[in-house]
PDB file of all heavy atoms in Angstrom:
ATOM      1  N   ASN A   1     137.208 120.308  51.125  1.00  0.00           N
ATOM      2  CA  ASN A   1     138.053 119.435  51.881  1.00  0.00           C
ATOM      3  C   ASN A   1     139.519 119.835  51.658  1.00  0.00           C
ATOM      4  O   ASN A   1     139.823 120.497  50.680  1.00  0.00           O
ATOM      5  CB  ASN A   1     137.820 117.979  51.493  1.00  0.00           C
ATOM      6  CG  ASN A   1     138.187 116.995  52.592  1.00  0.00           C
ATOM      7  OD1 ASN A   1     138.675 117.414  53.636  1.00  0.00           O
ATOM      8  ND2 ASN A   1     137.958 115.745  52.379  1.00  0.00           N
ATOM      9  N   ASP A   2     140.422 119.393  52.569  1.00  0.00           N
ATOM     10  CA  ASP A   2     141.837 119.535  52.365  1.00  0.00           C
ATOM     11  C   ASP A   2     142.380 118.193  51.859  1.00  0.00           C
ATOM     12  O   ASP A   2     142.038 117.124  52.375  1.00  0.00           O
ATOM     13  CB  ASP A   2     142.488 119.851  53.709  1.00  0.00           C
ATOM     14  CG  ASP A   2     142.170 121.267  54.192  1.00  0.00           C
ATOM     15  OD1 ASP A   2     141.870 122.128  53.352  1.00  0.00           O
ATOM     16  OD2 ASP A   2     142.150 121.463  55.429  1.00  0.00           O
ATOM     17  N   VAL A   3     143.180 118.283  50.813  1.00  0.00           N
ATOM     18  CA  VAL A   3     143.768 117.092  50.228  1.00  0.00           C
ATOM     19  C   VAL A   3     145.282 117.272  50.150  1.00  0.00           C
ATOM     20  O   VAL A   3     145.797 118.388  50.249  1.00  0.00           O
ATOM     21  CB  VAL A   3     143.204 116.866  48.790  1.00  0.00           C
ATOM     22  CG1 VAL A   3     141.715 116.717  48.808  1.00  0.00           C
ATOM     23  CG2 VAL A   3     143.620 117.995  47.854  1.00  0.00           C
ATOM     24  N   PRO A   4     146.004 116.154  49.994  1.00  0.00           N
ATOM     25  CA  PRO A   4     147.469 116.290  49.869  1.00  0.00           C
ATOM     26  C   PRO A   4     147.827 117.217  48.703  1.00  0.00           C
ATOM     27  O   PRO A   4     147.230 117.152  47.634  1.00  0.00           O
ATOM     28  CB  PRO A   4     147.914 114.872  49.615  1.00  0.00           C
ATOM     29  CG  PRO A   4     146.853 114.031  50.256  1.00  0.00           C
ATOM     30  CD  PRO A   4     145.573 114.785  50.032  1.00  0.00           C
ATOM     31  N   ALA A   5     148.841 118.063  48.918  1.00  0.00           N
ATOM     32  CA  ALA A   5     149.251 119.008  47.874  1.00  0.00           C
ATOM     33  C   ALA A   5     149.633 118.294  46.590  1.00  0.00           C
ATOM     34  O   ALA A   5     150.346 117.266  46.621  1.00  0.00           O
ATOM     35  CB  ALA A   5     150.435 119.849  48.369  1.00  0.00           C
ATOM     36  N   GLY A   6     149.098 118.780  45.480  1.00  0.00           N
ATOM     37  CA  GLY A   6     149.411 118.204  44.196  1.00  0.00           C
ATOM     38  C   GLY A   6     148.598 117.005  43.779  1.00  0.00           C
ATOM     39  O   GLY A   6     148.701 116.518  42.663  1.00  0.00           O
ATOM     40  N   LEU A   7     147.700 116.543  44.700  1.00  0.00           N
ATOM     41  CA  LEU A   7     146.907 115.317  44.383  1.00  0.00           C
ATOM     42  C   LEU A   7     146.118 115.471  43.115  1.00  0.00           C
ATOM     43  O   LEU A   7     145.942 114.536  42.339  1.00  0.00           O
ATOM     44  CB  LEU A   7     145.970 115.042  45.554  1.00  0.00           C
ATOM     45  CG  LEU A   7     145.001 113.861  45.358  1.00  0.00           C
ATOM     46  CD1 LEU A   7     145.762 112.552  45.260  1.00  0.00           C
ATOM     47  CD2 LEU A   7     143.965 113.819  46.464  1.00  0.00           C
ATOM     48  N   LEU A   8     145.583 116.692  42.856  1.00  0.00           N
ATOM     49  CA  LEU A   8     144.685 116.919  41.719  1.00  0.00           C
ATOM     50  C   LEU A   8     145.370 117.523  40.507  1.00  0.00           C
ATOM     51  O   LEU A   8     144.689 117.926  39.558  1.00  0.00           O
ATOM     52  CB  LEU A   8     143.510 117.774  42.153  1.00  0.00           C
ATOM     53  CG  LEU A   8     142.721 117.274  43.384  1.00  0.00           C
ATOM     54  CD1 LEU A   8     141.607 118.225  43.726  1.00  0.00           C
ATOM     55  CD2 LEU A   8     142.198 115.862  43.165  1.00  0.00           C
ATOM     56  N   ASP A   9     146.682 117.596  40.531  1.00  0.00           N
ATOM     57  CA  ASP A   9     147.375 118.238  39.441  1.00  0.00           C
ATOM     58  C   ASP A   9     147.407 117.377  38.159  1.00  0.00           C
ATOM     59  O   ASP A   9     147.663 117.909  37.062  1.00  0.00           O
ATOM     60  CB  ASP A   9     148.856 118.601  39.839  1.00  0.00           C
ATOM     61  CG  ASP A   9     148.871 119.734  40.839  1.00  0.00           C
ATOM     62  OD1 ASP A   9     147.830 120.394  40.997  1.00  0.00           O
ATOM     63  OD2 ASP A   9     149.924 119.943  41.475  1.00  0.00           O
ATOM     64  N   GLY A  10     147.228 116.084  38.312  1.00  0.00           N
ATOM     65  CA  GLY A  10     147.232 115.164  37.160  1.00  0.00           C
ATOM     66  C   GLY A  10     145.893 114.526  37.015  1.00  0.00           C
ATOM     67  O   GLY A  10     144.835 115.187  37.212  1.00  0.00           O
ATOM     68  N   PRO A  11     145.843 113.256  36.683  1.00  0.00           N
ATOM     69  CA  PRO A  11     144.532 112.534  36.564  1.00  0.00           C
ATOM     70  C   PRO A  11     143.859 112.484  37.922  1.00  0.00           C
ATOM     71  O   PRO A  11     144.460 112.134  38.932  1.00  0.00           O
ATOM     72  CB  PRO A  11     144.964 111.105  36.085  1.00  0.00           C
ATOM     73  CG  PRO A  11     146.313 111.319  35.483  1.00  0.00           C
ATOM     74  CD  PRO A  11     146.987 112.393  36.259  1.00  0.00           C
ATOM     75  N   TRP A  12     142.560 112.770  37.944  1.00  0.00           N
ATOM     76  CA  TRP A  12     141.800 112.693  39.160  1.00  0.00           C
ATOM     77  C   TRP A  12     141.434 111.261  39.558  1.00  0.00           C
ATOM     78  O   TRP A  12     141.247 110.969  40.705  1.00  0.00           O
ATOM     79  CB  TRP A  12     140.519 113.526  39.027  1.00  0.00           C
ATOM     80  CG  TRP A  12     140.753 114.991  39.179  1.00  0.00           C
ATOM     81  CD1 TRP A  12     141.768 115.748  38.599  1.00  0.00           C
ATOM     82  CD2 TRP A  12     139.944 115.910  39.938  1.00  0.00           C
ATOM     83  NE1 TRP A  12     141.626 117.061  38.928  1.00  0.00           N
ATOM     84  CE2 TRP A  12     140.540 117.216  39.748  1.00  0.00           C
ATOM     85  CE3 TRP A  12     138.826 115.793  40.702  1.00  0.00           C
ATOM     86  CZ2 TRP A  12     140.003 118.341  40.357  1.00  0.00           C
ATOM     87  CZ3 TRP A  12     138.284 116.932  41.313  1.00  0.00           C
ATOM     88  CH2 TRP A  12     138.877 118.191  41.120  1.00  0.00           C
ATOM     89  N   GLY A  13     141.251 110.380  38.553  1.00  0.00           N
ATOM     90  CA  GLY A  13     140.958 108.989  38.851  1.00  0.00           C
ATOM     91  C   GLY A  13     139.717 108.813  39.741  1.00  0.00           C
ATOM     92  O   GLY A  13     138.654 109.426  39.461  1.00  0.00           O
ATOM     93  N   ASP A  14     139.860 107.988  40.778  1.00  0.00           N
ATOM     94  CA  ASP A  14     138.726 107.726  41.622  1.00  0.00           C
ATOM     95  C   ASP A  14     138.243 108.900  42.432  1.00  0.00           C
ATOM     96  O   ASP A  14     137.085 108.900  42.888  1.00  0.00           O
ATOM     97  CB  ASP A  14     139.099 106.587  42.610  1.00  0.00           C
ATOM     98  CG  ASP A  14     139.261 105.227  41.957  1.00  0.00           C
ATOM     99  OD1 ASP A  14     138.767 105.094  40.825  1.00  0.00           O
ATOM    100  OD2 ASP A  14     139.859 104.327  42.551  1.00  0.00           O
ATOM    101  N   VAL A  15     139.091 109.919  42.557  1.00  0.00           N
ATOM    102  CA  VAL A  15     138.657 111.117  43.284  1.00  0.00           C
ATOM    103  C   VAL A  15     137.433 111.755  42.611  1.00  0.00           C
ATOM    104  O   VAL A  15     136.489 112.182  43.275  1.00  0.00           O
ATOM    105  CB  VAL A  15     139.801 112.100  43.416  1.00  0.00           C
ATOM    106  CG1 VAL A  15     139.294 113.451  44.022  1.00  0.00           C
ATOM    107  CG2 VAL A  15     140.937 111.556  44.246  1.00  0.00           C
ATOM    108  N   ALA A  16     137.480 111.829  41.295  1.00  0.00           N
ATOM    109  CA  ALA A  16     136.339 112.417  40.568  1.00  0.00           C
ATOM    110  C   ALA A  16     135.062 111.645  40.808  1.00  0.00           C
ATOM    111  O   ALA A  16     133.964 112.226  41.013  1.00  0.00           O
ATOM    112  CB  ALA A  16     136.638 112.449  39.066  1.00  0.00           C
ATOM    113  N   TYR A  17     135.186 110.349  40.867  1.00  0.00           N
ATOM    114  CA  TYR A  17     133.998 109.499  41.112  1.00  0.00           C
ATOM    115  C   TYR A  17     133.477 109.726  42.524  1.00  0.00           C
ATOM    116  O   TYR A  17     132.248 109.834  42.687  1.00  0.00           O
ATOM    117  CB  TYR A  17     134.432 108.029  40.907  1.00  0.00           C
ATOM    118  CG  TYR A  17     133.349 107.030  41.211  1.00  0.00           C
ATOM    119  CD1 TYR A  17     132.347 106.743  40.248  1.00  0.00           C
ATOM    120  CD2 TYR A  17     133.264 106.353  42.401  1.00  0.00           C
ATOM    121  CE1 TYR A  17     131.364 105.835  40.519  1.00  0.00           C
ATOM    122  CE2 TYR A  17     132.262 105.438  42.673  1.00  0.00           C
ATOM    123  CZ  TYR A  17     131.300 105.166  41.699  1.00  0.00           C
ATOM    124  OH  TYR A  17     130.336 104.260  41.980  1.00  0.00           O
ATOM    125  N   MET A  18     134.357 109.795  43.529  1.00  0.00           N
ATOM    126  CA  MET A  18     133.900 109.987  44.865  1.00  0.00           C
ATOM    127  C   MET A  18     133.284 111.363  45.086  1.00  0.00           C
ATOM    128  O   MET A  18     132.318 111.524  45.830  1.00  0.00           O
ATOM    129  CB  MET A  18     135.082 109.818  45.819  1.00  0.00           C
ATOM    130  CG  MET A  18     135.600 108.386  45.898  1.00  0.00           C
ATOM    131  SD  MET A  18     134.290 107.200  46.268  1.00  0.00           S
ATOM    132  CE  MET A  18     135.168 105.655  45.984  1.00  0.00           C
ATOM    133  N   VAL A  19     133.820 112.385  44.403  1.00  0.00           N
ATOM    134  CA  VAL A  19     133.215 113.691  44.474  1.00  0.00           C
ATOM    135  C   VAL A  19     131.779 113.658  43.910  1.00  0.00           C
ATOM    136  O   VAL A  19     130.839 114.206  44.487  1.00  0.00           O
ATOM    137  CB  VAL A  19     134.056 114.692  43.664  1.00  0.00           C
ATOM    138  CG1 VAL A  19     133.291 116.041  43.555  1.00  0.00           C
ATOM    139  CG2 VAL A  19     135.374 114.973  44.407  1.00  0.00           C
ATOM    140  N   ALA A  20     131.612 112.952  42.760  1.00  0.00           N
ATOM    141  CA  ALA A  20     130.333 112.870  42.145  1.00  0.00           C
ATOM    142  C   ALA A  20     129.324 112.105  43.026  1.00  0.00           C
ATOM    143  O   ALA A  20     128.159 112.499  43.150  1.00  0.00           O
ATOM    144  CB  ALA A  20     130.434 112.180  40.768  1.00  0.00           C
ATOM    145  N   VAL A  21     129.789 111.023  43.632  1.00  0.00           N
ATOM    146  CA  VAL A  21     128.909 110.234  44.514  1.00  0.00           C
ATOM    147  C   VAL A  21     128.441 111.075  45.678  1.00  0.00           C
ATOM    148  O   VAL A  21     127.276 111.070  46.053  1.00  0.00           O
ATOM    149  CB  VAL A  21     129.664 108.986  44.997  1.00  0.00           C
ATOM    150  CG1 VAL A  21     128.902 108.314  46.180  1.00  0.00           C
ATOM    151  CG2 VAL A  21     129.847 107.982  43.873  1.00  0.00           C
ATOM    152  N   SER A  22     129.379 111.858  46.244  1.00  0.00           N
ATOM    153  CA  SER A  22     129.011 112.689  47.416  1.00  0.00           C
ATOM    154  C   SER A  22     128.035 113.812  47.070  1.00  0.00           C
ATOM    155  O   SER A  22     127.263 114.254  47.881  1.00  0.00           O
ATOM    156  CB  SER A  22     130.291 113.263  48.039  1.00  0.00           C
ATOM    157  OG  SER A  22     131.119 112.263  48.537  1.00  0.00           O
ATOM    158  N   ALA A  23     128.107 114.287  45.809  1.00  0.00           N
ATOM    159  CA  ALA A  23     127.302 115.423  45.403  1.00  0.00           C
ATOM    160  C   ALA A  23     125.921 115.026  44.897  1.00  0.00           C
ATOM    161  O   ALA A  23     125.028 115.849  44.804  1.00  0.00           O
ATOM    162  CB  ALA A  23     128.040 116.220  44.333  1.00  0.00           C
ATOM    163  N   GLN A  24     125.714 113.761  44.522  1.00  0.00           N
ATOM    164  CA  GLN A  24     124.525 113.359  43.780  1.00  0.00           C
ATOM    165  C   GLN A  24     123.212 113.648  44.538  1.00  0.00           C
ATOM    166  O   GLN A  24     122.265 114.128  43.934  1.00  0.00           O
ATOM    167  CB  GLN A  24     124.591 111.880  43.393  1.00  0.00           C
ATOM    168  CG  GLN A  24     124.536 110.907  44.587  1.00  0.00           C
ATOM    169  CD  GLN A  24     124.416 109.465  44.114  1.00  0.00           C
ATOM    170  OE1 GLN A  24     123.797 109.176  43.095  1.00  0.00           O
ATOM    171  NE2 GLN A  24     124.996 108.547  44.867  1.00  0.00           N
ATOM    172  N   ASP A  25     123.152 113.382  45.859  1.00  0.00           N
ATOM    173  CA  ASP A  25     121.910 113.592  46.572  1.00  0.00           C
ATOM    174  C   ASP A  25     121.504 115.037  46.565  1.00  0.00           C
ATOM    175  O   ASP A  25     120.357 115.380  46.347  1.00  0.00           O
ATOM    176  CB  ASP A  25     122.007 113.064  48.014  1.00  0.00           C
ATOM    177  CG  ASP A  25     122.020 111.551  48.089  1.00  0.00           C
ATOM    178  OD1 ASP A  25     121.674 110.922  47.064  1.00  0.00           O
ATOM    179  OD2 ASP A  25     122.342 111.026  49.157  1.00  0.00           O
ATOM    180  N   GLY A  26     122.452 115.915  46.848  1.00  0.00           N
ATOM    181  CA  GLY A  26     122.154 117.330  46.829  1.00  0.00           C
ATOM    182  C   GLY A  26     121.735 117.840  45.455  1.00  0.00           C
ATOM    183  O   GLY A  26     120.815 118.647  45.350  1.00  0.00           O
ATOM    184  N   ILE A  27     122.413 117.379  44.424  1.00  0.00           N
ATOM    185  CA  ILE A  27     122.071 117.765  43.087  1.00  0.00           C
ATOM    186  C   ILE A  27     120.660 117.311  42.721  1.00  0.00           C
ATOM    187  O   ILE A  27     119.852 118.072  42.144  1.00  0.00           O
ATOM    188  CB  ILE A  27     123.099 117.194  42.066  1.00  0.00           C
ATOM    189  CG1 ILE A  27     124.441 117.888  42.219  1.00  0.00           C
ATOM    190  CG2 ILE A  27     122.602 117.360  40.613  1.00  0.00           C
ATOM    191  CD1 ILE A  27     125.587 117.297  41.432  1.00  0.00           C
ATOM    192  N   MET A  28     120.301 116.074  43.090  1.00  0.00           N
ATOM    193  CA  MET A  28     118.994 115.562  42.754  1.00  0.00           C
ATOM    194  C   MET A  28     117.905 116.320  43.505  1.00  0.00           C
ATOM    195  O   MET A  28     116.782 116.448  43.011  1.00  0.00           O
ATOM    196  CB  MET A  28     118.924 114.073  43.012  1.00  0.00           C
ATOM    197  CG  MET A  28     119.710 113.243  42.017  1.00  0.00           C
ATOM    198  SD  MET A  28     119.246 113.570  40.271  1.00  0.00           S
ATOM    199  CE  MET A  28     117.490 113.087  40.277  1.00  0.00           C
ATOM    200  N   GLN A  29     118.186 116.785  44.721  1.00  0.00           N
ATOM    201  CA  GLN A  29     117.170 117.600  45.401  1.00  0.00           C
ATOM    202  C   GLN A  29     116.911 118.883  44.667  1.00  0.00           C
ATOM    203  O   GLN A  29     115.766 119.355  44.574  1.00  0.00           O
ATOM    204  CB  GLN A  29     117.662 117.876  46.845  1.00  0.00           C
ATOM    205  CG  GLN A  29     117.627 116.667  47.742  1.00  0.00           C
ATOM    206  CD  GLN A  29     118.049 117.000  49.168  1.00  0.00           C
ATOM    207  OE1 GLN A  29     117.661 118.033  49.719  1.00  0.00           O
ATOM    208  NE2 GLN A  29     118.843 116.129  49.799  1.00  0.00           N
ATOM    209  N   LEU A  30     117.972 119.507  44.159  1.00  0.00           N
ATOM    210  CA  LEU A  30     117.817 120.732  43.379  1.00  0.00           C
ATOM    211  C   LEU A  30     117.077 120.442  42.082  1.00  0.00           C
ATOM    212  O   LEU A  30     116.263 121.254  41.623  1.00  0.00           O
ATOM    213  CB  LEU A  30     119.166 121.365  43.107  1.00  0.00           C
ATOM    214  CG  LEU A  30     119.921 121.861  44.342  1.00  0.00           C
ATOM    215  CD1 LEU A  30     121.284 122.425  43.933  1.00  0.00           C
ATOM    216  CD2 LEU A  30     119.096 122.955  45.040  1.00  0.00           C
ATOM    217  N   VAL A  31     117.403 119.310  41.458  1.00  0.00           N
ATOM    218  CA  VAL A  31     116.712 118.927  40.201  1.00  0.00           C
ATOM    219  C   VAL A  31     115.211 118.780  40.487  1.00  0.00           C
ATOM    220  O   VAL A  31     114.358 119.233  39.697  1.00  0.00           O
ATOM    221  CB  VAL A  31     117.265 117.645  39.640  1.00  0.00           C
ATOM    222  CG1 VAL A  31     116.384 117.064  38.523  1.00  0.00           C
ATOM    223  CG2 VAL A  31     118.682 117.864  39.077  1.00  0.00           C
ATOM    224  N   ALA A  32     114.875 118.124  41.616  1.00  0.00           N
ATOM    225  CA  ALA A  32     113.475 117.976  41.959  1.00  0.00           C
ATOM    226  C   ALA A  32     112.790 119.301  42.181  1.00  0.00           C
ATOM    227  O   ALA A  32     111.644 119.522  41.762  1.00  0.00           O
ATOM    228  CB  ALA A  32     113.367 117.103  43.235  1.00  0.00           C
TER     229      ALA A  32
END
């Protein structure tokens, strides 16, 4: 995705959580 420049240069905060939420289904399919 494209994000505002510098958004991830410091604390990721809720962004890390949202990335994890979006990735979980795909990861669990690979785990299965």
